[in-house]
Protein backbone atom coordinates (compact mmCIF):
# COMPACT_ATOMS: atom_id res chain seq x y z
CA MET A 1 227.18 3.20 -70.76
CA GLU A 2 225.78 6.17 -72.55
CA ARG A 3 228.00 8.44 -74.90
CA LYS A 4 226.82 11.16 -77.16
CA LEU A 5 229.19 13.35 -79.30
CA TYR A 6 228.10 16.68 -80.54
CA ALA A 7 229.65 18.80 -83.25
CA THR A 8 228.55 22.06 -85.14
CA VAL A 9 228.96 22.09 -88.91
CA SER A 10 231.03 25.33 -89.54
CA ARG A 11 230.70 27.45 -92.78
CA SER A 12 233.49 25.72 -94.37
CA GLU A 13 232.26 22.27 -94.19
CA SER A 14 228.52 23.35 -95.21
CA GLY A 15 227.46 21.44 -98.61
CA LYS A 16 229.39 18.14 -97.69
CA LEU A 17 227.70 14.85 -97.10
CA LEU A 18 226.91 13.76 -93.63
CA LYS A 19 228.95 10.63 -94.51
CA ASP A 20 232.06 12.84 -95.70
CA PHE A 21 231.62 15.33 -92.56
CA LEU A 22 231.56 12.32 -90.16
CA ARG A 23 234.46 10.94 -91.36
CA THR A 24 236.56 13.97 -91.30
CA LYS A 25 235.32 15.21 -88.09
CA TRP A 26 235.45 12.21 -85.90
CA ARG A 27 237.69 9.69 -88.35
CA LEU A 28 234.96 6.91 -87.93
CA SER A 29 235.90 3.63 -89.49
CA ALA A 30 233.81 2.05 -92.24
CA ALA A 31 232.63 -0.70 -89.68
CA LEU A 32 231.83 2.10 -87.11
CA LEU A 33 229.71 4.07 -89.52
CA ILE A 34 227.62 0.86 -90.63
CA GLU A 35 226.84 0.34 -86.83
CA LEU A 36 225.83 3.82 -86.20
CA LYS A 37 223.52 3.78 -89.20
CA ASN A 38 221.60 0.73 -87.41
CA ARG A 39 220.94 2.20 -84.45
CA GLU A 40 217.78 4.57 -84.06
CA ASP A 41 219.81 7.06 -82.17
CA GLY A 42 223.07 6.65 -83.63
CA ILE A 43 223.48 9.39 -85.96
CA THR A 44 221.33 12.63 -85.84
CA VAL A 45 221.12 16.15 -87.12
CA ASN A 46 219.39 18.70 -85.00
CA GLY A 47 217.68 15.90 -83.12
CA GLN A 48 216.44 14.11 -86.25
CA ARG A 49 217.69 10.98 -87.42
CA VAL A 50 219.11 11.37 -90.98
CA THR A 51 220.60 9.10 -93.47
CA VAL A 52 224.42 9.52 -94.12
CA ARG A 53 223.39 10.90 -97.52
CA TYR A 54 222.02 14.09 -95.86
CA VAL A 55 223.75 17.41 -96.93
CA VAL A 56 224.79 19.28 -93.91
CA HIS A 57 224.82 23.25 -93.48
CA SER A 58 226.28 25.65 -91.68
CA GLY A 59 224.89 25.51 -87.89
CA ASP A 60 223.65 22.23 -88.16
CA GLN A 61 224.08 20.29 -84.69
CA VAL A 62 225.33 16.55 -85.38
CA CYS A 63 225.14 14.19 -83.19
CA ILE A 64 226.75 10.50 -82.86
CA SER A 65 225.58 7.88 -79.97
CA VAL A 66 228.52 5.67 -79.42
CA GLY A 67 227.19 4.34 -76.05
CA ASP A 68 226.43 0.58 -75.82
CA GLY A 69 222.64 1.19 -75.57
CA GLY A 70 221.93 -1.10 -72.60
CA ALA A 71 224.53 -3.87 -74.15
CA ASP A 72 226.59 -6.03 -71.68
CA SER A 73 229.28 -8.57 -71.87
CA GLY A 74 227.42 -10.65 -69.48
CA PHE A 75 230.64 -11.73 -67.28
CA GLN A 76 230.16 -12.88 -63.83
CA GLU A 77 230.45 -10.48 -61.41
CA THR A 78 233.54 -10.59 -59.00
CA PRO A 79 233.82 -7.92 -56.92
CA MET A 80 237.70 -7.45 -56.41
CA PRO A 81 240.25 -4.31 -55.50
CA LEU A 82 241.05 -2.44 -58.40
CA GLU A 83 243.99 0.05 -58.69
CA ILE A 84 242.36 2.84 -61.22
CA LEU A 85 245.11 4.96 -62.53
CA TYR A 86 242.72 7.22 -64.94
CA GLU A 87 239.31 7.09 -65.96
CA ASP A 88 236.80 9.26 -67.77
CA SER A 89 233.82 9.04 -70.08
CA ASP A 90 235.75 7.37 -72.80
CA VAL A 91 238.57 5.40 -71.04
CA ILE A 92 239.57 3.76 -68.01
CA LEU A 93 243.08 2.55 -67.19
CA LEU A 94 244.31 0.07 -64.15
CA ASN A 95 247.19 -1.10 -62.89
CA LYS A 96 246.68 -5.03 -63.42
CA PRO A 97 248.74 -7.15 -60.63
CA PRO A 98 250.27 -10.24 -61.88
CA PHE A 99 248.61 -13.74 -61.79
CA LEU A 100 245.54 -11.90 -63.17
CA PRO A 101 244.25 -12.80 -66.43
CA VAL A 102 242.50 -10.09 -68.67
CA HIS A 103 239.58 -11.67 -69.90
CA PRO A 104 237.82 -14.97 -68.87
CA SER A 105 238.63 -18.12 -70.56
CA LYS A 106 238.53 -22.03 -69.65
CA GLY A 107 239.34 -22.49 -66.39
CA HIS A 108 239.23 -18.72 -65.50
CA GLU A 109 235.65 -17.67 -66.18
CA LYS A 110 235.15 -15.54 -63.06
CA ASP A 111 238.90 -14.39 -61.85
CA THR A 112 239.95 -12.02 -64.35
CA LEU A 113 240.15 -8.25 -64.54
CA ALA A 114 236.99 -8.30 -66.92
CA ASN A 115 235.03 -9.80 -63.99
CA GLY A 116 236.43 -7.10 -61.42
CA LEU A 117 235.19 -4.41 -64.22
CA THR A 118 231.83 -5.95 -64.81
CA ALA A 119 231.44 -5.78 -61.02
CA TYR A 120 232.53 -2.24 -60.55
CA TYR A 121 230.26 -1.00 -63.07
CA HIS A 122 227.20 -2.96 -62.19
CA ALA A 123 227.57 -1.63 -58.69
CA LYS A 124 227.17 2.04 -60.50
CA GLY A 125 224.20 0.89 -61.99
CA GLU A 126 225.89 0.97 -65.35
CA THR A 127 226.29 -1.72 -68.00
CA PHE A 128 230.05 -3.08 -69.20
CA VAL A 129 231.00 -4.16 -72.31
CA SER A 130 234.79 -5.16 -72.55
CA ARG A 131 236.92 -3.35 -74.88
CA CYS A 132 240.45 -3.98 -73.85
CA VAL A 133 242.74 -1.85 -76.20
CA LEU A 134 246.18 -3.20 -74.60
CA ARG A 135 246.06 -6.56 -72.70
CA LEU A 136 248.75 -8.27 -70.83
CA ASP A 137 249.64 -11.93 -70.10
CA ALA A 138 248.23 -12.98 -67.04
CA ASN A 139 251.80 -12.80 -65.27
CA THR A 140 252.62 -9.52 -66.52
CA SER A 141 251.35 -6.80 -64.37
CA GLY A 142 251.17 -3.19 -65.07
CA ALA A 143 248.93 -0.69 -66.91
CA VAL A 144 245.92 -2.34 -69.03
CA LEU A 145 243.72 0.23 -71.26
CA PHE A 146 239.96 -0.21 -71.93
CA ALA A 147 237.66 1.84 -73.94
CA LYS A 148 234.40 2.38 -72.37
CA ASN A 149 232.67 3.18 -75.93
CA ALA A 150 232.83 1.89 -79.53
CA TYR A 151 233.84 5.32 -80.94
CA ALA A 152 237.02 5.37 -78.42
CA HIS A 153 237.74 1.75 -79.10
CA ASP A 154 238.20 2.77 -82.51
CA GLN A 155 240.18 5.61 -82.33
CA LEU A 156 242.34 3.75 -79.78
CA ARG A 157 243.01 0.91 -82.28
CA ARG A 158 243.88 3.04 -85.08
CA GLN A 159 246.53 4.67 -82.73
CA LEU A 160 247.74 1.45 -81.60
CA LYS A 161 247.83 0.15 -85.29
CA ASP A 162 250.02 3.52 -86.05
CA GLY A 163 252.48 3.15 -83.77
CA ALA A 164 250.90 6.23 -81.61
CA VAL A 165 250.52 4.88 -78.37
CA GLN A 166 253.72 4.69 -76.48
CA LYS A 167 254.29 1.66 -74.24
CA VAL A 168 257.14 1.64 -71.53
CA TYR A 169 258.03 -1.56 -69.62
CA HIS A 170 260.10 -2.80 -67.03
CA ALA A 171 261.62 -5.62 -67.09
CA LEU A 172 264.11 -7.77 -64.40
CA VAL A 173 266.83 -9.52 -66.27
CA HIS A 174 269.85 -12.04 -65.69
CA GLY A 175 273.18 -10.06 -65.99
CA THR A 176 274.09 -6.81 -67.39
CA PRO A 177 273.42 -5.95 -71.03
CA PRO A 178 275.23 -2.57 -72.46
CA TYR A 179 273.61 0.35 -71.44
CA ARG A 180 271.59 0.92 -74.15
CA GLY A 181 270.52 -1.55 -76.78
CA VAL A 182 268.27 -1.59 -79.70
CA ILE A 183 267.12 -5.02 -80.83
CA ASN A 184 265.85 -5.43 -84.13
CA VAL A 185 265.58 -9.20 -85.16
CA PRO A 186 262.26 -10.74 -86.78
CA ILE A 187 259.90 -12.91 -84.72
CA TYR A 188 258.11 -15.86 -86.13
CA ARG A 189 255.65 -18.63 -84.93
CA PRO A 190 256.58 -21.93 -86.13
CA GLU A 191 253.75 -23.91 -87.40
CA GLU A 192 253.76 -26.44 -84.91
CA ALA A 193 253.93 -23.90 -82.09
CA THR A 194 250.59 -22.78 -80.07
CA LEU A 195 252.43 -20.45 -77.58
CA LYS A 196 256.46 -19.73 -78.13
CA ARG A 197 257.77 -17.83 -80.66
CA ILE A 198 261.21 -17.86 -82.42
CA VAL A 199 263.81 -15.64 -83.79
CA ASP A 200 263.80 -16.35 -87.54
CA ASP A 201 264.37 -14.39 -90.91
CA GLY A 202 260.90 -15.70 -92.17
CA GLY A 203 259.30 -13.89 -89.24
CA LYS A 204 257.57 -10.61 -88.87
CA PRO A 205 259.94 -7.34 -88.40
CA SER A 206 260.31 -6.68 -84.52
CA VAL A 207 262.17 -3.93 -82.93
CA THR A 208 262.75 -3.35 -79.31
CA GLU A 209 264.87 -0.70 -77.39
CA TYR A 210 265.96 -0.85 -73.60
CA PHE A 211 267.78 1.40 -71.15
CA LEU A 212 269.99 -0.04 -68.02
CA GLU A 213 268.47 1.43 -65.01
CA LYS A 214 269.88 -0.72 -61.94
CA SER A 215 272.22 -3.64 -61.88
CA ASP A 216 274.48 -5.45 -59.37
CA GLY A 217 276.02 -7.29 -62.12
CA THR A 218 273.79 -10.22 -61.56
CA LEU A 219 270.58 -8.80 -61.88
CA SER A 220 269.33 -5.90 -64.08
CA LEU A 221 266.05 -3.99 -64.27
CA LEU A 222 265.78 -2.43 -67.57
CA ARG A 223 263.42 0.20 -68.87
CA VAL A 224 262.34 -1.23 -72.31
CA LEU A 225 260.43 0.70 -75.09
CA PRO A 226 258.97 -2.02 -77.79
CA LYS A 227 258.74 -0.28 -81.14
CA THR A 228 256.43 -3.00 -82.51
CA GLY A 229 253.94 -4.98 -81.06
CA ARG A 230 254.60 -8.74 -81.50
CA THR A 231 253.39 -11.51 -79.36
CA HIS A 232 256.21 -12.24 -76.51
CA GLN A 233 258.23 -9.48 -78.05
CA ILE A 234 260.07 -8.16 -75.22
CA ARG A 235 260.35 -11.58 -73.70
CA LEU A 236 261.73 -13.24 -76.47
CA HIS A 237 264.19 -10.30 -77.51
CA LEU A 238 265.61 -9.90 -74.20
CA SER A 239 266.46 -13.56 -74.30
CA HIS A 240 268.09 -13.40 -77.45
CA ILE A 241 270.91 -10.93 -76.40
CA GLY A 242 271.74 -13.34 -73.74
CA ASN A 243 269.56 -11.42 -70.95
CA PRO A 244 266.42 -13.27 -70.45
CA ILE A 245 263.82 -12.13 -67.91
CA VAL A 246 264.00 -13.40 -64.48
CA SER A 247 261.68 -16.77 -64.04
CA ASP A 248 260.43 -16.85 -67.58
CA PHE A 249 259.59 -20.31 -68.16
CA LEU A 250 259.28 -20.17 -71.73
CA TYR A 251 262.28 -18.06 -72.61
CA GLY A 252 264.69 -18.11 -69.60
CA ARG A 253 264.63 -20.33 -66.35
CA GLU A 254 261.41 -20.74 -64.41
CA ASP A 255 263.27 -22.01 -61.10
CA ASP A 256 265.86 -19.32 -60.62
CA GLY A 257 264.25 -18.59 -57.17
CA ILE A 258 263.97 -14.71 -58.12
CA LEU A 259 259.97 -14.04 -58.66
CA ASN A 260 257.12 -16.60 -58.78
CA ARG A 261 256.41 -15.27 -62.36
CA HIS A 262 258.42 -13.77 -65.05
CA GLY A 263 259.44 -10.38 -64.32
CA LEU A 264 257.93 -8.01 -66.73
CA HIS A 265 255.79 -4.94 -66.13
CA CYS A 266 253.99 -2.28 -68.39
CA SER A 267 254.90 1.02 -66.68
CA SER A 268 253.69 3.69 -68.52
CA LEU A 269 251.18 4.38 -71.43
CA SER A 270 250.96 7.49 -73.32
CA PHE A 271 248.49 8.32 -76.39
CA SER A 272 246.13 10.89 -77.56
CA HIS A 273 242.47 10.79 -76.16
CA PRO A 274 240.15 9.59 -78.46
CA VAL A 275 237.61 12.73 -78.26
CA THR A 276 239.75 15.59 -77.01
CA GLY A 277 242.89 14.98 -78.42
CA LYS A 278 244.95 15.74 -75.58
CA THR A 279 247.84 13.51 -74.54
CA VAL A 280 247.30 11.25 -71.84
CA THR A 281 249.85 9.74 -69.72
CA VAL A 282 249.59 7.34 -67.06
CA LYS A 283 252.26 5.87 -64.82
CA ALA A 284 251.46 2.15 -63.15
CA PRO A 285 253.85 1.72 -60.29
CA LEU A 286 255.74 -1.70 -59.94
CA SER A 287 254.28 -4.45 -58.25
CA ASP A 288 255.27 -5.27 -54.91
CA ASP A 289 257.24 -8.38 -56.01
CA MET A 290 259.27 -6.57 -58.94
CA GLN A 291 259.42 -3.44 -56.45
CA SER A 292 261.07 -5.74 -53.75
CA VAL A 293 264.05 -7.10 -56.11
CA SER A 294 264.56 -3.41 -57.52
CA ASP A 295 265.03 -1.90 -54.25
CA SER A 296 267.64 -4.34 -53.78
CA LEU A 297 269.74 -3.25 -56.66
CA PRO A 298 271.92 -0.20 -56.93
CA ASN A 299 271.24 2.44 -59.64
CA ALA A 300 273.15 1.94 -62.79
CA GLU A 301 275.97 4.49 -64.04
CA ARG A 302 274.74 5.64 -67.68
CA TYR A 303 277.69 4.33 -69.33
CA ARG A 304 279.27 0.86 -68.90
CA THR A 305 281.86 1.12 -66.21
CA LEU A 306 284.58 -1.26 -65.15
CA ASP A 307 283.16 -1.97 -61.98
CA SER A 308 280.01 -3.26 -63.50
CA PHE A 309 282.04 -5.13 -66.22
CA LEU A 310 284.20 -6.84 -63.67
CA LYS A 311 281.23 -7.94 -61.56
CA GLU A 312 279.26 -9.24 -64.51
CA THR A 313 282.37 -10.85 -65.88
CA TYR A 314 284.26 -12.17 -62.71
CA GLY A 315 281.18 -12.03 -60.10
CA GLU A 316 282.94 -9.35 -57.92
CA LYS A 317 285.31 -6.31 -58.12
CA LEU A 318 289.00 -6.57 -58.83
CA VAL A 319 291.55 -4.48 -57.13
CA LYS A 320 294.19 -2.93 -59.41
CA LEU A 321 297.62 -3.11 -58.29
CA SER A 322 300.14 -0.92 -60.30
CA LEU A 323 303.48 -2.47 -60.78
CA ASN A 324 306.55 -1.14 -62.68
CA ALA A 325 308.65 -3.69 -64.76
CA GLY A 326 311.57 -1.64 -65.18
CA LEU A 327 311.04 -1.10 -68.81
CA SER A 328 311.46 2.04 -71.22
CA CYS A 329 310.00 3.40 -74.18
CA PRO A 330 310.76 3.55 -77.72
CA ASN A 331 310.62 7.40 -77.52
CA ARG A 332 313.04 7.51 -74.46
CA GLN A 333 315.62 5.98 -76.43
CA ASN A 334 318.99 7.90 -77.57
CA GLY A 335 318.23 10.80 -75.25
CA GLY A 336 314.47 11.20 -76.32
CA ARG A 337 312.15 12.32 -73.45
CA GLY A 338 308.92 10.58 -74.56
CA CYS A 339 305.67 12.30 -75.79
CA SER A 340 305.35 15.77 -74.68
CA PHE A 341 302.85 15.58 -72.30
CA CYS A 342 304.73 12.78 -70.46
CA SER A 343 306.75 12.99 -67.36
CA SER A 344 309.65 11.11 -66.11
CA GLY A 345 307.55 8.54 -64.53
CA GLY A 346 306.26 7.60 -67.94
CA SER A 347 302.51 7.53 -66.75
CA GLY A 348 303.41 5.08 -63.91
CA GLU A 349 303.62 8.05 -61.28
CA PHE A 350 301.64 5.50 -58.96
CA ALA A 351 303.79 2.19 -59.69
CA PRO A 352 306.27 1.26 -57.03
CA SER A 353 310.37 0.98 -57.66
CA SER A 354 311.51 -1.74 -60.39
CA ASP A 355 314.24 -2.18 -57.77
CA VAL A 356 312.16 -5.10 -56.37
CA SER A 357 310.90 -8.00 -58.25
CA VAL A 358 307.19 -8.21 -59.53
CA SER A 359 306.41 -10.88 -57.02
CA GLU A 360 307.51 -8.47 -54.16
CA GLN A 361 305.73 -5.63 -55.63
CA LEU A 362 302.70 -7.47 -55.62
CA LYS A 363 302.98 -8.66 -52.03
CA GLN A 364 303.63 -5.06 -50.84
CA ALA A 365 300.63 -3.84 -52.71
CA LYS A 366 298.61 -6.57 -50.77
CA ASP A 367 299.72 -6.13 -47.54
CA ARG A 368 299.29 -2.32 -48.23
CA LEU A 369 295.50 -2.98 -49.06
CA SER A 370 295.16 -5.73 -46.94
CA GLN A 371 292.66 -4.34 -44.44
CA LYS A 372 290.78 -2.49 -46.72
CA TRP A 373 290.32 -4.84 -49.29
CA ARG A 374 290.29 -8.22 -47.63
CA GLY A 375 289.10 -10.91 -49.31
CA HIS A 376 289.27 -9.43 -52.88
CA ARG A 377 291.23 -10.33 -55.79
CA TYR A 378 293.58 -8.36 -58.03
CA ILE A 379 294.52 -7.08 -61.37
CA ALA A 380 298.19 -6.99 -61.88
CA TYR A 381 298.68 -3.51 -63.96
CA PHE A 382 301.80 -3.19 -65.53
CA GLN A 383 301.62 0.33 -65.94
CA ALA A 384 304.70 2.41 -66.09
CA TYR A 385 306.46 2.85 -69.33
CA THR A 386 306.12 0.67 -72.51
CA ASN A 387 305.44 -3.05 -70.80
CA THR A 388 306.38 -4.73 -74.31
CA TYR A 389 309.48 -3.02 -74.78
CA ALA A 390 311.69 -5.82 -74.53
CA PRO A 391 312.63 -9.47 -75.77
CA ALA A 392 310.07 -11.73 -75.34
CA GLU A 393 312.13 -14.08 -73.03
CA ARG A 394 312.54 -11.47 -70.47
CA LEU A 395 309.02 -10.29 -70.80
CA ARG A 396 307.83 -13.76 -70.16
CA LYS A 397 309.70 -13.90 -66.78
CA LEU A 398 308.23 -10.63 -65.69
CA PHE A 399 304.46 -11.53 -66.61
CA MET A 400 304.58 -15.33 -65.32
CA GLN A 401 305.34 -13.80 -61.75
CA ALA A 402 302.19 -11.98 -61.94
CA VAL A 403 300.40 -15.13 -63.15
CA ALA A 404 301.79 -17.48 -60.45
CA ASP A 405 300.05 -15.24 -57.88
CA PRO A 406 296.80 -17.23 -56.90
CA ASP A 407 295.13 -13.64 -55.91
CA VAL A 408 295.99 -12.16 -59.27
CA ALA A 409 292.52 -12.65 -61.47
CA LEU A 410 293.83 -11.10 -64.75
CA LEU A 411 296.71 -8.90 -66.07
CA SER A 412 296.49 -5.29 -67.69
CA ILE A 413 299.49 -4.59 -69.64
CA ALA A 414 300.27 -1.04 -70.61
CA THR A 415 302.28 -0.61 -74.19
CA ARG A 416 302.33 0.96 -77.75
CA PRO A 417 300.72 -0.28 -80.50
CA ASP A 418 304.13 -0.23 -82.37
CA CYS A 419 305.91 -2.36 -79.64
CA LEU A 420 304.19 -5.59 -80.32
CA PRO A 421 306.19 -7.81 -82.59
CA ASP A 422 305.10 -11.37 -83.56
CA ASP A 423 306.89 -13.38 -80.63
CA VAL A 424 305.54 -11.10 -77.93
CA LEU A 425 301.94 -11.18 -79.39
CA GLU A 426 302.42 -15.03 -79.28
CA LEU A 427 303.72 -14.67 -75.84
CA LEU A 428 300.78 -12.49 -74.64
CA SER A 429 298.37 -15.46 -76.49
CA ASP A 430 299.95 -18.13 -74.39
CA LEU A 431 299.38 -15.96 -71.29
CA ASN A 432 295.88 -15.29 -72.07
CA GLN A 433 295.48 -19.20 -72.12
CA ILE A 434 296.36 -19.09 -68.54
CA LYS A 435 294.86 -16.31 -66.87
CA PRO A 436 292.91 -13.44 -68.77
CA LEU A 437 294.64 -10.43 -69.81
CA TRP A 438 293.90 -6.99 -71.59
CA VAL A 439 296.68 -5.04 -73.62
CA GLU A 440 296.13 -0.97 -73.35
CA LEU A 441 297.19 1.00 -75.97
CA GLY A 442 297.97 4.65 -75.73
CA LEU A 443 296.56 6.25 -78.91
CA GLN A 444 295.55 9.36 -77.35
CA THR A 445 294.20 10.73 -80.67
CA ALA A 446 293.03 9.61 -83.96
CA HIS A 447 294.51 12.47 -85.66
CA ASP A 448 298.06 11.81 -86.89
CA GLU A 449 298.60 15.75 -87.24
CA THR A 450 298.23 16.01 -83.72
CA ALA A 451 299.80 13.08 -82.60
CA HIS A 452 303.28 14.33 -84.52
CA ARG A 453 303.00 17.61 -82.71
CA PHE A 454 303.27 15.59 -79.01
CA HIS A 455 305.70 13.02 -80.72
CA ARG A 456 303.95 9.74 -80.43
CA GLY A 457 305.79 8.02 -83.05
CA TYR A 458 303.34 5.92 -85.22
CA ASP A 459 300.47 6.65 -87.12
CA ARG A 460 297.04 5.21 -86.70
CA ARG A 461 297.20 2.58 -89.21
CA VAL A 462 299.72 0.69 -86.63
CA TYR A 463 297.21 1.12 -84.05
CA GLU A 464 294.57 -0.48 -86.30
CA SER A 465 297.13 -3.20 -87.23
CA ALA A 466 297.86 -3.78 -83.68
CA VAL A 467 294.33 -4.14 -82.43
CA GLN A 468 293.73 -6.52 -85.32
CA SER A 469 296.15 -8.73 -84.01
CA LEU A 470 295.29 -8.88 -80.62
CA HIS A 471 291.97 -9.38 -81.70
CA ASP A 472 292.85 -12.38 -83.89
CA ARG A 473 294.57 -13.84 -80.60
CA LYS A 474 290.94 -13.29 -78.74
CA ILE A 475 292.95 -10.44 -76.54
CA PRO A 476 290.96 -7.54 -75.41
CA VAL A 477 292.12 -4.19 -76.26
CA ILE A 478 291.54 -1.10 -73.79
CA THR A 479 292.39 2.39 -75.71
CA HIS A 480 293.68 5.57 -73.89
CA LEU A 481 292.41 8.96 -75.25
CA ILE A 482 293.44 12.31 -73.99
CA PHE A 483 291.29 15.33 -74.50
CA GLY A 484 292.26 18.91 -74.52
CA LEU A 485 295.42 18.33 -76.78
CA PRO A 486 297.18 21.43 -77.81
CA GLY A 487 295.53 22.25 -81.33
CA GLU A 488 292.80 19.83 -81.26
CA THR A 489 288.84 21.16 -81.62
CA ARG A 490 285.88 19.64 -80.10
CA ALA A 491 285.07 17.98 -83.20
CA GLN A 492 288.30 16.20 -83.59
CA MET A 493 288.17 14.79 -79.96
CA LEU A 494 284.60 13.42 -80.94
CA GLN A 495 285.88 11.92 -84.02
CA SER A 496 288.41 10.17 -81.99
CA VAL A 497 285.89 8.50 -80.00
CA SER A 498 283.82 7.48 -82.73
CA TYR A 499 286.79 6.17 -84.69
CA THR A 500 288.01 4.30 -81.26
CA GLY A 501 284.80 2.85 -80.46
CA LYS A 502 285.03 0.97 -83.83
CA HIS A 503 287.94 -1.00 -82.76
CA THR A 504 288.44 -0.94 -78.78
CA ASP A 505 286.59 -3.23 -76.12
CA GLY A 506 287.39 -0.56 -73.49
CA ILE A 507 288.54 3.08 -73.42
CA LYS A 508 290.51 5.29 -70.77
CA LEU A 509 289.39 8.94 -71.23
CA GLN A 510 290.87 11.74 -69.47
CA MET A 511 291.70 15.37 -69.56
CA LEU A 512 295.22 16.74 -70.69
CA GLN A 513 297.16 17.20 -67.57
CA VAL A 514 300.02 19.43 -67.52
CA LEU A 515 302.87 17.75 -65.35
CA LYS A 516 306.14 19.02 -64.11
CA GLY A 517 309.10 17.54 -65.90
CA SER A 518 307.59 16.93 -69.36
CA ALA A 519 308.24 18.94 -72.35
CA LEU A 520 304.62 20.31 -72.13
CA GLY A 521 304.88 21.39 -68.80
CA GLU A 522 308.20 23.36 -69.34
CA GLU A 523 306.32 25.05 -72.52
CA TYR A 524 303.46 25.84 -70.08
CA GLU A 525 305.46 27.21 -67.35
CA LYS A 526 306.92 30.00 -69.94
CA ASN A 527 304.17 30.61 -71.90
CA PRO A 528 300.83 29.24 -70.28
CA PHE A 529 298.03 28.08 -72.75
CA PRO A 530 294.61 27.83 -72.29
CA LEU A 531 292.90 24.62 -70.99
CA MET A 532 289.42 23.29 -70.80
CA SER A 533 287.48 24.47 -67.65
CA ARG A 534 285.92 21.50 -65.52
CA GLN A 535 282.28 22.47 -67.00
CA GLU A 536 283.75 22.31 -70.32
CA TYR A 537 285.20 19.04 -69.75
CA VAL A 538 282.17 17.48 -68.30
CA SER A 539 280.05 18.68 -71.44
CA LEU A 540 282.67 16.97 -73.71
CA LEU A 541 282.58 13.71 -71.59
CA CYS A 542 278.90 13.83 -72.18
CA ASP A 543 278.93 14.02 -75.75
CA ALA A 544 281.68 11.51 -76.21
CA LEU A 545 279.80 9.10 -74.29
CA SER A 546 276.67 9.44 -76.11
CA ARG A 547 278.92 8.41 -79.24
CA LEU A 548 280.60 5.62 -77.92
CA PRO A 549 278.94 2.09 -78.93
CA PRO A 550 277.19 0.51 -75.65
CA HIS A 551 279.11 -2.61 -75.51
CA VAL A 552 282.59 -0.63 -75.21
CA THR A 553 283.71 -0.78 -71.07
CA VAL A 554 284.46 2.86 -70.17
CA HIS A 555 287.83 2.26 -67.68
CA ARG A 556 287.97 5.75 -66.58
CA VAL A 557 286.39 9.16 -67.24
CA THR A 558 289.13 11.36 -65.55
CA GLY A 559 292.62 10.67 -64.56
CA ASP A 560 294.43 10.68 -61.23
CA PRO A 561 296.92 13.16 -61.23
CA PRO A 562 300.39 13.51 -59.09
CA GLY A 563 299.68 16.24 -57.17
CA GLU A 564 303.24 17.32 -56.62
CA LEU A 565 303.47 17.26 -60.46
CA LEU A 566 300.34 18.92 -61.85
CA LEU A 567 300.59 22.12 -63.18
CA ALA A 568 297.30 22.24 -64.89
CA PRO A 569 294.32 22.17 -64.88
CA LEU A 570 294.15 21.96 -61.13
CA TRP A 571 290.56 20.97 -61.15
CA THR A 572 291.68 17.68 -62.49
CA ALA A 573 292.88 16.98 -58.81
CA ASP A 574 289.27 16.79 -57.82
CA LYS A 575 288.08 13.38 -59.52
CA LYS A 576 285.24 12.80 -57.17
CA ARG A 577 284.14 16.19 -58.30
CA VAL A 578 284.36 15.66 -62.13
CA LEU A 579 282.37 12.02 -61.49
CA ALA A 580 279.54 13.92 -59.60
CA ASP A 581 279.56 16.77 -62.21
CA LEU A 582 279.48 14.00 -65.06
CA LYS A 583 276.60 12.33 -63.26
CA SER A 584 274.48 15.17 -62.94
CA GLU A 585 274.57 16.44 -66.32
CA LEU A 586 273.77 12.78 -67.95
CA GLU A 587 271.11 12.76 -65.77
CA ARG A 588 270.07 16.38 -66.99
CA ARG A 589 270.46 15.74 -70.56
CA ASN A 590 268.55 12.02 -70.07
CA THR A 591 271.25 10.28 -72.23
CA VAL A 592 273.24 7.13 -71.58
CA GLN A 593 276.37 5.74 -73.43
CA GLY A 594 275.72 4.90 -77.10
CA PHE A 595 272.76 7.29 -77.18
CA ASP A 596 273.96 9.23 -80.35
CA GLN A 597 275.92 6.51 -81.76
CA GLU A 598 276.84 7.43 -85.43
CA GLU A 599 275.63 4.74 -87.79
């Protein structure tokens, strides 16, 4: 292929040696400059061949001939369908199908992409020298970039080395990783290995970022952005975090029955055009086999939902049954009314009466839900008041009724951090050996000054100690936070999220709801105070999720207020609207959980 580049010497460039002009104008490498010098028409000024010691003058017409001069790679012609994504005088990009090698090798002398390109260009009466800038493994599908001349190849290799070529892959993996992750572990090639790489401190620095796009809890589709370009980097890194690419014989399980090759596809390339400097971005549609699996997967939320966590961990959706153990709360003793935002129901407005046993409450709840949730297992949720505020032996009898129910898959126990004495902690540890449980702690805010105003009754050091005690016993912690507590700024609310994210396994977020029967409700009825709008709350939620570590499960982002008790804000009663607005805003921002996580 013939290709000539032209430039006119400006007044400011006059007086330079030609070699300096060439290096400045076209950033020629030393190797390419030598190659051009040796060509008959490699470098000319005003149509005449000159040496690179020539002194250029204003108005000189400089030309370099970067074509192949009739050279050809000599590969066998193999006509085949080519999906060309972009082509001009300097580059060609193709969407390579799986199972097709890029270049000929032993055993593949004529069934490669280079053979197909040879046939394509020979049919047009042109020669073909194969200059692949970004190649893919035979079984990896997607965008492949070829330079059509030596200059374009030189410039694109420079961009590749400088990290200026942006590559996006899609990978089908086992399991559901956190919704965003950065994998930063070195990759090493053992001396005895010809193919396989390993993670080892003696290896080269390697960084891969990914985002979760689809998942059913068993399989996931990830958008992957490699920041370095090591051999097998994506395959090894995803396997290293426990989410190997499907059907990967080298780093996963070859015979998983999902694909006939490893599920990796280069879906997008972006680079500066080697001649014009304009940004070129191409997208390569998924190959049919990966697209078929992707179509079967639901879109992932942009944060780690409880539903996805349960499906990943237990293989199914679990239905939560609210229970009332008939307990109280330290803040309600001696005539106390509890926290100022708490109604007389102690956050258990949807829990049944404690007049019947826990076993009977479970039976009644399952009967009510039998038509809607037939075949599902349950979470026994001890919700009302403080569910460890009793002697350990009494608690054992209550909790064992839930543990004994064969349909109960796990226990969720809501309590306060200051109500976890050692004997209760040991009880919880014993129960956790029989059936998994988690403990929900009502922190509400990380700021003790705010907590004092609503009569929480303990400082955050108590919370930290409780979390440590539970984690020492392998018991997960779910932390409750409330946005919009009187006197708190937006910055303070986000600080609570960042603080909590360092301690908790899961989080429950909700807007402050002013309820009848609470001290705060009485104050509001006498003198209404301002509360966040739905739009303000959704914006705050997006900021909060962006700061939350990706591994933290988000159990809720808005509460379910009892309609007959809700004074304000009334928009919190429309949970579906809040969730829809949150989804739209996260998509508009193109952000996910952990995107802006503080170091």
